[in-house]
Every structure is written in C-alpha cells, then in structure tokens.
Amino acid sequence: PTSELGKITKSTPMGSLDAPFNPLSLALGAEATFVARSIDSDRRHLTSVLRAAAQHEGAAFVEIYQNCNIFNDGAFEVLKDPSTRDDVTIRLEHGEPIRFGNDGQHGVVRAPDGSLRIAEVADVGVDALLVHDTRADDPTTAFALSRLAGASLAHTPIGVFRAVRRPTYDGLMQRQLDGAVETQGEGDLAALLSGADSWTVVS
C-alpha cells in the first residue's frame, strides 16, 4: 500500500495500480497519540525516537525508512547521502522553529490558506517560521507536516510529530472493572456457571 504507482513487485508484476497512502497521515488522521518517523541508518536519531515511543503511555506509531535491497534498493538514499541529506531532511524538535539545510537556510511556514510550505529564512525571517509543538492536542499541524515529504522526499520531516497524553484503553478498562468490583463485589464464577440463569442454543 506504500509502493509508488507503477512499482513492479511479485504481487504487482505489471506495476502497482494503487495510489500509495501515507502511514503517518493515516495514524494522525486517526488521532494516534504518539506518531514519529526515523531512518534506519541514523542510529542516534532512531534510538531517541524509539526510546520516546517506549516511554509514551499508550500505543505508539513509528515509521522507519528502511532500505530493501531486493525490491526497493536505494529508495531513501537522498536522505542518507551526506551530499544531499541536510537539504532534504527536516529534523523536528519540540519547541524549536522548523528549519533545515546546511546552514539552516530553509524553513517551514504557514501559508495564507493554512497549509504549510517551504520558504527561505532570509526571505521570511526566523519569526515567521513554524515552531514545532508535539504536544498540541489538535493533530492538524502534525498532519500537515506529514504531507510535506511527497514521493520525491524533497522535504522530509523526521522525529516526533505528535506526543500527547490521553487516557489509555487498558487504563479506562481497569477503572471500569474496579468500579464494578467496588459496587457489586468480586463475583463468583462457579456460582455463575451453576446458577439458574441459563440459555438454550438452537442450531
């Protein structure tokens, strides 16, 4: 589902016909509470992202750009090659203006229509740059950041896009069970199974 149009694989020998979806956009659209991206060859960055994911309370979604030397060799080379990576990789840091490039000459700004676009810092000034906020409850901006990369990977954000605290399903379930025990007692499985409350299954 993430293969580009026309991609020839074992399952699509004549070329993929499906438009690829963006995994991060999908997770953010579902309001996942932790969403991040890293690159397999950037050990320090990958370690920090996975550590943050492990420390997050609740489910965490991490997309890892990993080379496949069988079907997609070199697909992420532009993000790994020292001669190109700084100009295309946007490293997200919470609370910091979003800028990138060898000298931080490029940045992310909000366009008049509310979308995000790439601008030259010299043209717009540092104050115009979007400040990254992983803790924003509304995932709209994180979603917009996830759309920047595109198929060419020309402007690819990596790092934590969203990390917000919300009650987890298992925590809410445990609270519900504790409430039931408090009001109705521990319960007796044997008494339930041998009780008069029964039903008949008709095939």
N, C-alpha and C. Protein backbone atom coordinates (compact mmCIF):
# COMPACT_ATOMS: atom_id res chain seq x y z
N PRO A 1 0.81 -1.23 0.00
CA PRO A 1 0.00 0.00 0.00
C PRO A 1 0.84 1.28 0.00
N THR A 2 2.15 1.16 0.27
CA THR A 2 3.00 2.35 0.24
C THR A 2 3.88 2.40 -1.01
N SER A 3 3.75 1.40 -1.88
CA SER A 3 4.54 1.39 -3.12
C SER A 3 4.04 2.47 -4.07
N GLU A 4 4.97 3.07 -4.80
CA GLU A 4 4.58 4.11 -5.74
C GLU A 4 3.84 3.50 -6.93
N LEU A 5 3.07 4.33 -7.63
CA LEU A 5 2.36 3.88 -8.81
C LEU A 5 3.34 3.29 -9.83
N GLY A 6 2.96 2.14 -10.39
CA GLY A 6 3.80 1.52 -11.40
C GLY A 6 4.88 0.62 -10.84
N LYS A 7 4.98 0.49 -9.51
CA LYS A 7 6.02 -0.32 -8.89
C LYS A 7 5.83 -1.79 -9.25
N ILE A 8 6.88 -2.41 -9.77
CA ILE A 8 6.83 -3.82 -10.15
C ILE A 8 7.35 -4.67 -9.00
N THR A 9 6.50 -5.55 -8.50
CA THR A 9 6.86 -6.46 -7.42
C THR A 9 6.29 -7.84 -7.74
N LYS A 10 6.50 -8.79 -6.84
CA LYS A 10 5.96 -10.14 -7.04
C LYS A 10 4.44 -10.11 -7.12
N SER A 11 3.82 -9.26 -6.32
CA SER A 11 2.35 -9.20 -6.30
C SER A 11 1.78 -8.24 -7.34
N THR A 12 2.64 -7.39 -7.91
CA THR A 12 2.20 -6.46 -8.97
C THR A 12 3.19 -6.53 -10.12
N PRO A 13 3.23 -7.66 -10.83
CA PRO A 13 4.24 -7.85 -11.89
C PRO A 13 4.10 -6.90 -13.07
N MET A 14 2.93 -6.28 -13.23
CA MET A 14 2.74 -5.34 -14.32
C MET A 14 2.71 -3.89 -13.82
N GLY A 15 3.03 -3.72 -12.56
CA GLY A 15 3.06 -2.38 -11.98
C GLY A 15 1.89 -2.12 -11.06
N SER A 16 2.17 -1.52 -9.92
CA SER A 16 1.12 -1.22 -8.93
C SER A 16 0.14 -0.19 -9.48
N LEU A 17 -1.15 -0.44 -9.25
CA LEU A 17 -2.20 0.46 -9.73
C LEU A 17 -2.76 1.34 -8.62
N ASP A 18 -2.43 1.01 -7.38
CA ASP A 18 -2.97 1.76 -6.25
C ASP A 18 -2.10 2.96 -5.92
N ALA A 19 -2.75 4.09 -5.68
CA ALA A 19 -2.01 5.26 -5.18
C ALA A 19 -1.57 4.96 -3.76
N PRO A 20 -0.31 5.18 -3.43
CA PRO A 20 0.17 4.84 -2.08
C PRO A 20 -0.43 5.76 -1.02
N PHE A 21 -0.66 5.22 0.16
CA PHE A 21 -1.11 6.08 1.25
C PHE A 21 0.06 6.43 2.15
N ASN A 22 -0.11 7.47 2.92
CA ASN A 22 0.93 7.96 3.82
C ASN A 22 0.66 7.40 5.22
N PRO A 23 1.51 6.50 5.72
CA PRO A 23 1.26 5.88 7.03
C PRO A 23 1.11 6.89 8.17
N LEU A 24 1.95 7.93 8.17
CA LEU A 24 1.86 8.92 9.24
C LEU A 24 0.55 9.69 9.18
N SER A 25 0.15 10.05 7.96
CA SER A 25 -1.12 10.77 7.81
C SER A 25 -2.28 9.90 8.28
N LEU A 26 -2.20 8.61 7.99
CA LEU A 26 -3.25 7.69 8.42
C LEU A 26 -3.33 7.64 9.94
N ALA A 27 -2.17 7.52 10.59
CA ALA A 27 -2.14 7.45 12.05
C ALA A 27 -2.62 8.76 12.69
N LEU A 28 -2.17 9.88 12.13
CA LEU A 28 -2.57 11.18 12.67
C LEU A 28 -4.04 11.46 12.42
N GLY A 29 -4.54 11.01 11.27
CA GLY A 29 -5.96 11.18 10.98
C GLY A 29 -6.83 10.40 11.95
N ALA A 30 -6.29 9.30 12.47
CA ALA A 30 -7.00 8.51 13.47
C ALA A 30 -6.73 9.03 14.88
N GLU A 31 -6.00 10.14 14.98
CA GLU A 31 -5.66 10.80 16.24
C GLU A 31 -4.84 9.92 17.17
N ALA A 32 -3.87 9.20 16.59
CA ALA A 32 -2.92 8.45 17.41
C ALA A 32 -2.19 9.45 18.31
N THR A 33 -1.90 9.03 19.54
CA THR A 33 -1.32 9.97 20.50
C THR A 33 0.20 10.09 20.40
N PHE A 34 0.85 9.13 19.75
CA PHE A 34 2.30 9.23 19.53
C PHE A 34 2.59 8.80 18.10
N VAL A 35 3.15 9.72 17.32
CA VAL A 35 3.47 9.44 15.92
C VAL A 35 4.85 10.01 15.62
N ALA A 36 5.71 9.19 15.02
CA ALA A 36 7.08 9.63 14.74
C ALA A 36 7.61 8.94 13.50
N ARG A 37 8.75 9.47 13.02
CA ARG A 37 9.42 8.88 11.85
C ARG A 37 10.93 8.96 12.07
N SER A 38 11.64 7.92 11.61
CA SER A 38 13.10 7.95 11.67
C SER A 38 13.65 7.18 10.47
N ILE A 39 14.98 7.08 10.43
CA ILE A 39 15.67 6.43 9.32
C ILE A 39 16.55 5.32 9.89
N ASP A 40 16.56 4.18 9.24
CA ASP A 40 17.26 3.01 9.79
C ASP A 40 18.76 3.24 10.00
N SER A 41 19.39 4.03 9.14
CA SER A 41 20.84 4.20 9.21
C SER A 41 21.28 5.31 10.17
N ASP A 42 20.33 6.09 10.67
CA ASP A 42 20.67 7.16 11.62
C ASP A 42 20.46 6.61 13.03
N ARG A 43 21.48 5.93 13.53
CA ARG A 43 21.33 5.18 14.77
C ARG A 43 20.96 6.07 15.96
N ARG A 44 21.60 7.21 16.07
CA ARG A 44 21.32 8.08 17.21
C ARG A 44 19.88 8.59 17.18
N HIS A 45 19.45 9.03 16.01
CA HIS A 45 18.09 9.55 15.89
C HIS A 45 17.06 8.45 16.11
N LEU A 46 17.29 7.29 15.50
CA LEU A 46 16.37 6.17 15.64
C LEU A 46 16.26 5.74 17.10
N THR A 47 17.39 5.71 17.80
CA THR A 47 17.37 5.32 19.21
C THR A 47 16.55 6.29 20.04
N SER A 48 16.71 7.58 19.78
CA SER A 48 15.98 8.58 20.56
C SER A 48 14.48 8.50 20.29
N VAL A 49 14.11 8.24 19.04
CA VAL A 49 12.69 8.13 18.69
C VAL A 49 12.07 6.89 19.33
N LEU A 50 12.76 5.76 19.25
CA LEU A 50 12.23 4.53 19.83
C LEU A 50 12.17 4.62 21.35
N ARG A 51 13.12 5.32 21.95
CA ARG A 51 13.08 5.50 23.40
C ARG A 51 11.85 6.33 23.79
N ALA A 52 11.61 7.40 23.05
CA ALA A 52 10.44 8.23 23.33
C ALA A 52 9.14 7.44 23.14
N ALA A 53 9.11 6.59 22.12
CA ALA A 53 7.93 5.77 21.87
C ALA A 53 7.71 4.78 23.02
N ALA A 54 8.79 4.19 23.50
CA ALA A 54 8.69 3.21 24.59
C ALA A 54 8.23 3.87 25.88
N GLN A 55 8.60 5.12 26.08
CA GLN A 55 8.24 5.83 27.31
C GLN A 55 6.83 6.41 27.25
N HIS A 56 6.25 6.44 26.05
CA HIS A 56 4.91 7.00 25.90
C HIS A 56 3.86 6.09 26.52
N GLU A 57 2.94 6.67 27.24
CA GLU A 57 1.87 5.88 27.86
C GLU A 57 0.77 5.65 26.83
N GLY A 58 0.64 4.42 26.38
CA GLY A 58 -0.32 4.10 25.34
C GLY A 58 0.38 3.61 24.09
N ALA A 59 -0.39 3.37 23.04
CA ALA A 59 0.17 2.88 21.78
C ALA A 59 1.00 3.97 21.10
N ALA A 60 2.06 3.55 20.42
CA ALA A 60 2.93 4.49 19.70
C ALA A 60 3.12 3.99 18.28
N PHE A 61 3.09 4.91 17.33
CA PHE A 61 3.28 4.57 15.91
C PHE A 61 4.57 5.21 15.43
N VAL A 62 5.50 4.39 14.96
CA VAL A 62 6.78 4.89 14.45
C VAL A 62 7.01 4.35 13.04
N GLU A 63 7.17 5.26 12.09
CA GLU A 63 7.51 4.87 10.72
C GLU A 63 9.03 4.93 10.59
N ILE A 64 9.63 3.84 10.09
CA ILE A 64 11.08 3.79 9.90
C ILE A 64 11.37 3.59 8.42
N TYR A 65 12.08 4.55 7.84
CA TYR A 65 12.50 4.41 6.45
C TYR A 65 13.66 3.41 6.43
N GLN A 66 13.40 2.24 5.88
CA GLN A 66 14.40 1.17 5.88
C GLN A 66 14.63 0.68 4.46
N ASN A 67 15.88 0.57 4.10
CA ASN A 67 16.22 0.14 2.75
C ASN A 67 15.87 -1.33 2.53
N CYS A 68 15.34 -1.63 1.36
CA CYS A 68 15.10 -3.02 0.95
C CYS A 68 15.92 -3.27 -0.30
N ASN A 69 17.02 -4.00 -0.14
CA ASN A 69 17.93 -4.17 -1.28
C ASN A 69 17.42 -5.18 -2.31
N ILE A 70 16.25 -5.77 -2.07
CA ILE A 70 15.67 -6.69 -3.04
C ILE A 70 14.70 -5.97 -3.98
N PHE A 71 13.73 -5.27 -3.39
CA PHE A 71 12.67 -4.67 -4.20
C PHE A 71 12.77 -3.15 -4.32
N ASN A 72 13.50 -2.50 -3.41
CA ASN A 72 13.46 -1.03 -3.41
C ASN A 72 14.80 -0.45 -3.00
N ASP A 73 15.86 -1.00 -3.52
CA ASP A 73 17.20 -0.60 -3.11
C ASP A 73 17.45 0.88 -3.43
N GLY A 74 17.94 1.60 -2.43
CA GLY A 74 18.29 3.00 -2.63
C GLY A 74 17.12 3.96 -2.59
N ALA A 75 15.94 3.49 -2.18
CA ALA A 75 14.75 4.35 -2.20
C ALA A 75 14.90 5.58 -1.32
N PHE A 76 15.68 5.47 -0.24
CA PHE A 76 15.82 6.58 0.70
C PHE A 76 17.23 7.16 0.69
N GLU A 77 17.95 6.92 -0.38
CA GLU A 77 19.35 7.34 -0.45
C GLU A 77 19.51 8.84 -0.32
N VAL A 78 18.54 9.61 -0.84
CA VAL A 78 18.64 11.06 -0.77
C VAL A 78 18.64 11.56 0.68
N LEU A 79 18.06 10.76 1.58
CA LEU A 79 18.02 11.12 3.00
C LEU A 79 19.27 10.64 3.75
N LYS A 80 20.08 9.82 3.09
CA LYS A 80 21.25 9.24 3.74
C LYS A 80 22.57 9.76 3.18
N ASP A 81 22.57 10.15 1.93
CA ASP A 81 23.78 10.63 1.27
C ASP A 81 24.23 11.95 1.92
N PRO A 82 25.46 12.02 2.43
CA PRO A 82 25.94 13.25 3.08
C PRO A 82 25.85 14.49 2.19
N SER A 83 25.87 14.30 0.88
CA SER A 83 25.84 15.45 -0.02
C SER A 83 24.44 16.02 -0.22
N THR A 84 23.41 15.26 0.18
CA THR A 84 22.03 15.73 -0.05
C THR A 84 21.17 15.75 1.21
N ARG A 85 21.50 14.96 2.21
CA ARG A 85 20.58 14.76 3.33
C ARG A 85 20.21 16.03 4.08
N ASP A 86 21.16 16.94 4.28
CA ASP A 86 20.86 18.14 5.05
C ASP A 86 19.88 19.07 4.34
N ASP A 87 19.86 19.00 3.02
CA ASP A 87 18.97 19.88 2.26
C ASP A 87 17.56 19.32 2.10
N VAL A 88 17.36 18.05 2.45
CA VAL A 88 16.03 17.46 2.28
C VAL A 88 15.43 16.94 3.59
N THR A 89 16.25 16.77 4.61
CA THR A 89 15.77 16.22 5.87
C THR A 89 15.43 17.34 6.85
N ILE A 90 14.20 17.32 7.34
CA ILE A 90 13.74 18.31 8.31
C ILE A 90 13.67 17.63 9.67
N ARG A 91 14.59 17.98 10.55
CA ARG A 91 14.64 17.36 11.87
C ARG A 91 13.74 18.14 12.84
N LEU A 92 12.70 17.49 13.27
CA LEU A 92 11.72 18.13 14.15
C LEU A 92 12.18 18.08 15.60
N GLU A 93 12.14 19.23 16.26
CA GLU A 93 12.49 19.32 17.68
C GLU A 93 11.39 20.13 18.38
N HIS A 94 10.82 19.57 19.41
CA HIS A 94 9.73 20.24 20.12
C HIS A 94 10.18 21.61 20.64
N GLY A 95 9.36 22.62 20.38
CA GLY A 95 9.63 23.96 20.88
C GLY A 95 10.61 24.77 20.05
N GLU A 96 11.09 24.20 18.95
CA GLU A 96 12.07 24.88 18.11
C GLU A 96 11.47 25.27 16.76
N PRO A 97 11.90 26.41 16.19
CA PRO A 97 11.46 26.75 14.83
C PRO A 97 11.89 25.66 13.86
N ILE A 98 11.05 25.34 12.91
CA ILE A 98 11.35 24.26 11.98
C ILE A 98 12.16 24.82 10.81
N ARG A 99 13.45 24.50 10.81
CA ARG A 99 14.34 24.94 9.74
C ARG A 99 15.32 23.82 9.42
N PHE A 100 15.87 23.87 8.22
CA PHE A 100 16.79 22.82 7.78
C PHE A 100 17.70 23.37 6.70
N GLY A 101 18.60 22.51 6.21
CA GLY A 101 19.60 22.94 5.25
C GLY A 101 20.96 22.97 5.91
N ASN A 102 22.01 23.01 5.11
CA ASN A 102 23.37 23.02 5.65
C ASN A 102 23.59 24.15 6.65
N ASP A 103 23.00 25.29 6.38
CA ASP A 103 23.14 26.45 7.25
C ASP A 103 21.80 26.88 7.86
N GLY A 104 20.83 25.97 7.84
CA GLY A 104 19.51 26.31 8.36
C GLY A 104 18.83 27.37 7.53
N GLN A 105 19.13 27.38 6.23
CA GLN A 105 18.62 28.45 5.37
C GLN A 105 17.18 28.24 4.92
N HIS A 106 16.66 27.01 5.06
CA HIS A 106 15.28 26.73 4.68
C HIS A 106 14.42 26.60 5.93
N GLY A 107 13.14 26.87 5.79
CA GLY A 107 12.24 26.73 6.93
C GLY A 107 10.83 26.41 6.50
N VAL A 108 10.02 26.07 7.48
CA VAL A 108 8.61 25.76 7.23
C VAL A 108 7.75 26.89 7.78
N VAL A 109 6.87 27.40 6.94
CA VAL A 109 5.97 28.49 7.35
C VAL A 109 4.53 28.10 7.01
N ARG A 110 3.60 28.81 7.63
CA ARG A 110 2.19 28.58 7.33
C ARG A 110 1.75 29.55 6.24
N ALA A 111 1.17 29.00 5.18
CA ALA A 111 0.70 29.81 4.06
C ALA A 111 -0.62 30.49 4.43
N PRO A 112 -1.03 31.51 3.67
CA PRO A 112 -2.30 32.20 3.96
C PRO A 112 -3.51 31.28 3.99
N ASP A 113 -3.47 30.18 3.22
CA ASP A 113 -4.62 29.27 3.21
C ASP A 113 -4.57 28.25 4.35
N GLY A 114 -3.56 28.37 5.22
CA GLY A 114 -3.45 27.48 6.37
C GLY A 114 -2.56 26.28 6.16
N SER A 115 -2.18 26.02 4.91
CA SER A 115 -1.29 24.90 4.63
C SER A 115 0.15 25.26 5.00
N LEU A 116 1.04 24.28 4.94
CA LEU A 116 2.45 24.53 5.23
C LEU A 116 3.24 24.56 3.94
N ARG A 117 4.26 25.39 3.90
CA ARG A 117 5.12 25.45 2.72
C ARG A 117 6.56 25.70 3.15
N ILE A 118 7.47 25.45 2.22
CA ILE A 118 8.89 25.67 2.46
C ILE A 118 9.25 27.08 2.01
N ALA A 119 10.04 27.78 2.83
CA ALA A 119 10.45 29.14 2.49
C ALA A 119 11.92 29.32 2.84
N GLU A 120 12.52 30.34 2.26
CA GLU A 120 13.90 30.70 2.60
C GLU A 120 13.86 31.60 3.83
N VAL A 121 14.65 31.25 4.83
CA VAL A 121 14.65 32.01 6.07
C VAL A 121 15.05 33.46 5.82
N ALA A 122 15.97 33.66 4.88
CA ALA A 122 16.41 35.02 4.55
C ALA A 122 15.28 35.88 4.01
N ASP A 123 14.29 35.24 3.39
CA ASP A 123 13.17 35.98 2.81
C ASP A 123 12.06 36.27 3.81
N VAL A 124 11.82 35.32 4.73
CA VAL A 124 10.66 35.47 5.63
C VAL A 124 11.04 35.85 7.06
N GLY A 125 12.29 35.59 7.44
CA GLY A 125 12.72 35.87 8.81
C GLY A 125 12.43 34.71 9.75
N VAL A 126 13.22 34.60 10.79
CA VAL A 126 13.09 33.49 11.74
C VAL A 126 11.74 33.53 12.45
N ASP A 127 11.24 34.71 12.75
CA ASP A 127 9.98 34.83 13.49
C ASP A 127 8.79 34.28 12.73
N ALA A 128 8.91 34.16 11.41
CA ALA A 128 7.80 33.64 10.60
C ALA A 128 7.76 32.12 10.57
N LEU A 129 8.84 31.48 11.03
CA LEU A 129 8.91 30.03 10.97
C LEU A 129 7.95 29.38 11.95
N LEU A 130 7.43 28.24 11.54
CA LEU A 130 6.54 27.46 12.40
C LEU A 130 7.35 26.85 13.54
N VAL A 131 6.87 27.00 14.75
CA VAL A 131 7.52 26.39 15.92
C VAL A 131 6.86 25.04 16.17
N HIS A 132 7.67 24.00 16.22
CA HIS A 132 7.13 22.65 16.35
C HIS A 132 6.57 22.41 17.74
N ASP A 133 5.36 21.85 17.78
CA ASP A 133 4.70 21.56 19.05
C ASP A 133 4.16 20.14 19.02
N THR A 134 4.89 19.21 19.62
CA THR A 134 4.45 17.81 19.63
C THR A 134 3.26 17.61 20.55
N ARG A 135 3.03 18.55 21.46
CA ARG A 135 2.00 18.37 22.49
C ARG A 135 0.67 19.03 22.15
N ALA A 136 0.56 19.57 20.95
CA ALA A 136 -0.70 20.20 20.55
C ALA A 136 -1.80 19.14 20.51
N ASP A 137 -2.92 19.42 21.16
CA ASP A 137 -3.99 18.44 21.21
C ASP A 137 -4.62 18.23 19.84
N ASP A 138 -4.70 19.29 19.04
CA ASP A 138 -5.25 19.19 17.69
C ASP A 138 -4.15 18.68 16.75
N PRO A 139 -4.38 17.56 16.04
CA PRO A 139 -3.34 16.98 15.19
C PRO A 139 -3.21 17.63 13.81
N THR A 140 -3.92 18.73 13.57
CA THR A 140 -3.96 19.32 12.23
C THR A 140 -2.57 19.69 11.72
N THR A 141 -1.78 20.38 12.54
CA THR A 141 -0.46 20.81 12.08
C THR A 141 0.47 19.62 11.89
N ALA A 142 0.41 18.66 12.80
CA ALA A 142 1.22 17.45 12.65
C ALA A 142 0.86 16.73 11.35
N PHE A 143 -0.43 16.69 11.04
CA PHE A 143 -0.89 16.07 9.79
C PHE A 143 -0.30 16.81 8.59
N ALA A 144 -0.34 18.14 8.64
CA ALA A 144 0.21 18.93 7.53
C ALA A 144 1.71 18.67 7.37
N LEU A 145 2.43 18.52 8.48
CA LEU A 145 3.85 18.20 8.40
C LEU A 145 4.07 16.84 7.74
N SER A 146 3.19 15.91 8.02
CA SER A 146 3.33 14.56 7.44
C SER A 146 3.14 14.56 5.93
N ARG A 147 2.53 15.62 5.39
CA ARG A 147 2.27 15.70 3.96
C ARG A 147 3.39 16.39 3.19
N LEU A 148 4.39 16.90 3.88
CA LEU A 148 5.44 17.68 3.20
C LEU A 148 6.35 16.83 2.31
N ALA A 149 6.63 15.60 2.71
CA ALA A 149 7.66 14.82 2.03
C ALA A 149 7.33 14.55 0.57
N GLY A 150 6.18 13.98 0.31
CA GLY A 150 5.83 13.62 -1.06
C GLY A 150 6.67 12.46 -1.57
N ALA A 151 6.40 12.03 -2.78
CA ALA A 151 7.09 10.88 -3.35
C ALA A 151 8.58 11.13 -3.57
N SER A 152 8.96 12.39 -3.79
CA SER A 152 10.36 12.71 -4.09
C SER A 152 11.21 12.80 -2.83
N LEU A 153 10.58 12.85 -1.65
CA LEU A 153 11.28 13.01 -0.36
C LEU A 153 12.06 14.32 -0.30
N ALA A 154 11.66 15.29 -1.11
CA ALA A 154 12.41 16.55 -1.19
C ALA A 154 12.43 17.32 0.12
N HIS A 155 11.36 17.21 0.90
CA HIS A 155 11.29 17.89 2.19
C HIS A 155 10.69 16.90 3.18
N THR A 156 11.54 16.13 3.82
CA THR A 156 11.08 15.01 4.65
C THR A 156 11.30 15.27 6.13
N PRO A 157 10.23 15.52 6.89
CA PRO A 157 10.38 15.67 8.34
C PRO A 157 10.65 14.33 9.00
N ILE A 158 11.55 14.32 9.97
CA ILE A 158 11.77 13.14 10.80
C ILE A 158 11.76 13.58 12.26
N GLY A 159 11.45 12.65 13.12
CA GLY A 159 11.35 12.97 14.54
C GLY A 159 9.95 12.70 15.04
N VAL A 160 9.63 13.25 16.18
CA VAL A 160 8.31 13.06 16.79
C VAL A 160 7.36 14.13 16.26
N PHE A 161 6.29 13.69 15.62
CA PHE A 161 5.28 14.61 15.09
C PHE A 161 4.25 14.97 16.17
N ARG A 162 3.89 13.97 16.95
CA ARG A 162 2.85 14.18 17.96
C ARG A 162 3.10 13.29 19.16
N ALA A 163 2.96 13.86 20.35
CA ALA A 163 3.10 13.09 21.59
C ALA A 163 2.22 13.75 22.65
N VAL A 164 0.99 13.29 22.74
CA VAL A 164 0.04 13.87 23.69
C VAL A 164 -0.42 12.80 24.68
N ARG A 165 -0.83 13.27 25.85
CA ARG A 165 -1.27 12.35 26.90
C ARG A 165 -2.80 12.27 26.89
N ARG A 166 -3.28 11.04 26.83
CA ARG A 166 -4.71 10.79 26.92
C ARG A 166 -4.90 9.48 27.69
N PRO A 167 -6.07 9.31 28.31
CA PRO A 167 -6.32 8.04 28.99
C PRO A 167 -6.21 6.88 28.01
N THR A 168 -5.57 5.80 28.43
CA THR A 168 -5.41 4.64 27.56
C THR A 168 -6.59 3.69 27.72
N TYR A 169 -6.80 2.86 26.72
CA TYR A 169 -7.92 1.92 26.75
C TYR A 169 -7.81 0.97 27.94
N ASP A 170 -6.61 0.41 28.14
CA ASP A 170 -6.48 -0.55 29.24
C ASP A 170 -6.64 0.13 30.60
N GLY A 171 -6.20 1.38 30.69
CA GLY A 171 -6.39 2.11 31.94
C GLY A 171 -7.86 2.37 32.23
N LEU A 172 -8.60 2.77 31.20
CA LEU A 172 -10.03 3.01 31.36
C LEU A 172 -10.77 1.71 31.68
N MET A 173 -10.35 0.62 31.03
CA MET A 173 -10.98 -0.67 31.29
C MET A 173 -10.75 -1.12 32.73
N GLN A 174 -9.51 -0.93 33.21
CA GLN A 174 -9.22 -1.33 34.58
C GLN A 174 -10.04 -0.51 35.58
N ARG A 175 -10.20 0.78 35.28
CA ARG A 175 -11.00 1.63 36.15
C ARG A 175 -12.46 1.17 36.16
N GLN A 176 -12.95 0.76 34.98
CA GLN A 176 -14.32 0.27 34.88
C GLN A 176 -14.50 -1.02 35.68
N LEU A 177 -13.53 -1.92 35.57
CA LEU A 177 -13.59 -3.18 36.31
C LEU A 177 -13.52 -2.94 37.82
N ASP A 178 -12.63 -2.04 38.22
CA ASP A 178 -12.51 -1.72 39.64
C ASP A 178 -13.82 -1.15 40.18
N GLY A 179 -14.48 -0.33 39.37
CA GLY A 179 -15.76 0.24 39.78
C GLY A 179 -16.83 -0.83 39.94
N ALA A 180 -16.82 -1.81 39.03
CA ALA A 180 -17.80 -2.90 39.11
C ALA A 180 -17.58 -3.74 40.36
N VAL A 181 -16.31 -4.02 40.67
CA VAL A 181 -15.99 -4.80 41.87
C VAL A 181 -16.40 -4.03 43.13
N GLU A 182 -16.17 -2.73 43.11
CA GLU A 182 -16.50 -1.91 44.28
C GLU A 182 -18.00 -1.88 44.56
N THR A 183 -18.80 -1.85 43.50
CA THR A 183 -20.25 -1.74 43.68
C THR A 183 -20.96 -3.09 43.75
N GLN A 184 -20.37 -4.13 43.11
CA GLN A 184 -21.06 -5.41 43.02
C GLN A 184 -20.31 -6.57 43.67
N GLY A 185 -19.11 -6.30 44.16
CA GLY A 185 -18.33 -7.35 44.78
C GLY A 185 -17.44 -8.07 43.79
N GLU A 186 -16.64 -9.00 44.32
CA GLU A 186 -15.67 -9.71 43.49
C GLU A 186 -16.32 -10.60 42.44
N GLY A 187 -17.49 -11.14 42.76
CA GLY A 187 -18.12 -12.07 41.83
C GLY A 187 -17.66 -13.49 42.08
N ASP A 188 -18.46 -14.45 41.63
CA ASP A 188 -18.16 -15.87 41.86
C ASP A 188 -18.43 -16.61 40.57
N LEU A 189 -17.39 -17.00 39.86
CA LEU A 189 -17.54 -17.66 38.57
C LEU A 189 -18.25 -19.00 38.71
N ALA A 190 -17.89 -19.77 39.74
CA ALA A 190 -18.52 -21.09 39.94
C ALA A 190 -20.02 -20.94 40.18
N ALA A 191 -20.39 -19.93 40.98
CA ALA A 191 -21.81 -19.71 41.25
C ALA A 191 -22.54 -19.28 39.99
N LEU A 192 -21.87 -18.50 39.16
CA LEU A 192 -22.48 -18.06 37.91
C LEU A 192 -22.73 -19.24 36.98
N LEU A 193 -21.75 -20.15 36.88
CA LEU A 193 -21.87 -21.29 35.97
C LEU A 193 -22.91 -22.30 36.45
N SER A 194 -23.07 -22.42 37.76
CA SER A 194 -24.03 -23.40 38.30
C SER A 194 -25.37 -22.77 38.66
N GLY A 195 -25.55 -21.52 38.34
CA GLY A 195 -26.77 -20.81 38.69
C GLY A 195 -27.93 -21.16 37.78
N ALA A 196 -29.08 -20.57 38.09
CA ALA A 196 -30.31 -20.87 37.34
C ALA A 196 -30.41 -20.07 36.04
N ASP A 197 -29.58 -19.06 35.91
CA ASP A 197 -29.63 -18.22 34.71
C ASP A 197 -28.94 -18.96 33.57
N SER A 198 -29.69 -19.49 32.62
CA SER A 198 -29.12 -20.28 31.53
C SER A 198 -29.83 -19.97 30.22
N TRP A 199 -29.33 -20.54 29.14
CA TRP A 199 -29.95 -20.34 27.84
C TRP A 199 -29.78 -21.61 27.01
N THR A 200 -30.58 -21.72 25.98
CA THR A 200 -30.54 -22.89 25.11
C THR A 200 -30.10 -22.47 23.72
N VAL A 201 -29.13 -23.18 23.18
CA VAL A 201 -28.63 -22.90 21.85
C VAL A 201 -29.37 -23.79 20.86
N VAL A 202 -30.03 -23.18 19.89
CA VAL A 202 -30.78 -23.93 18.89
C VAL A 202 -30.05 -23.83 17.56
N SER A 203 -29.71 -24.97 16.98
CA SER A 203 -28.98 -24.96 15.71
C SER A 203 -29.94 -24.87 14.53
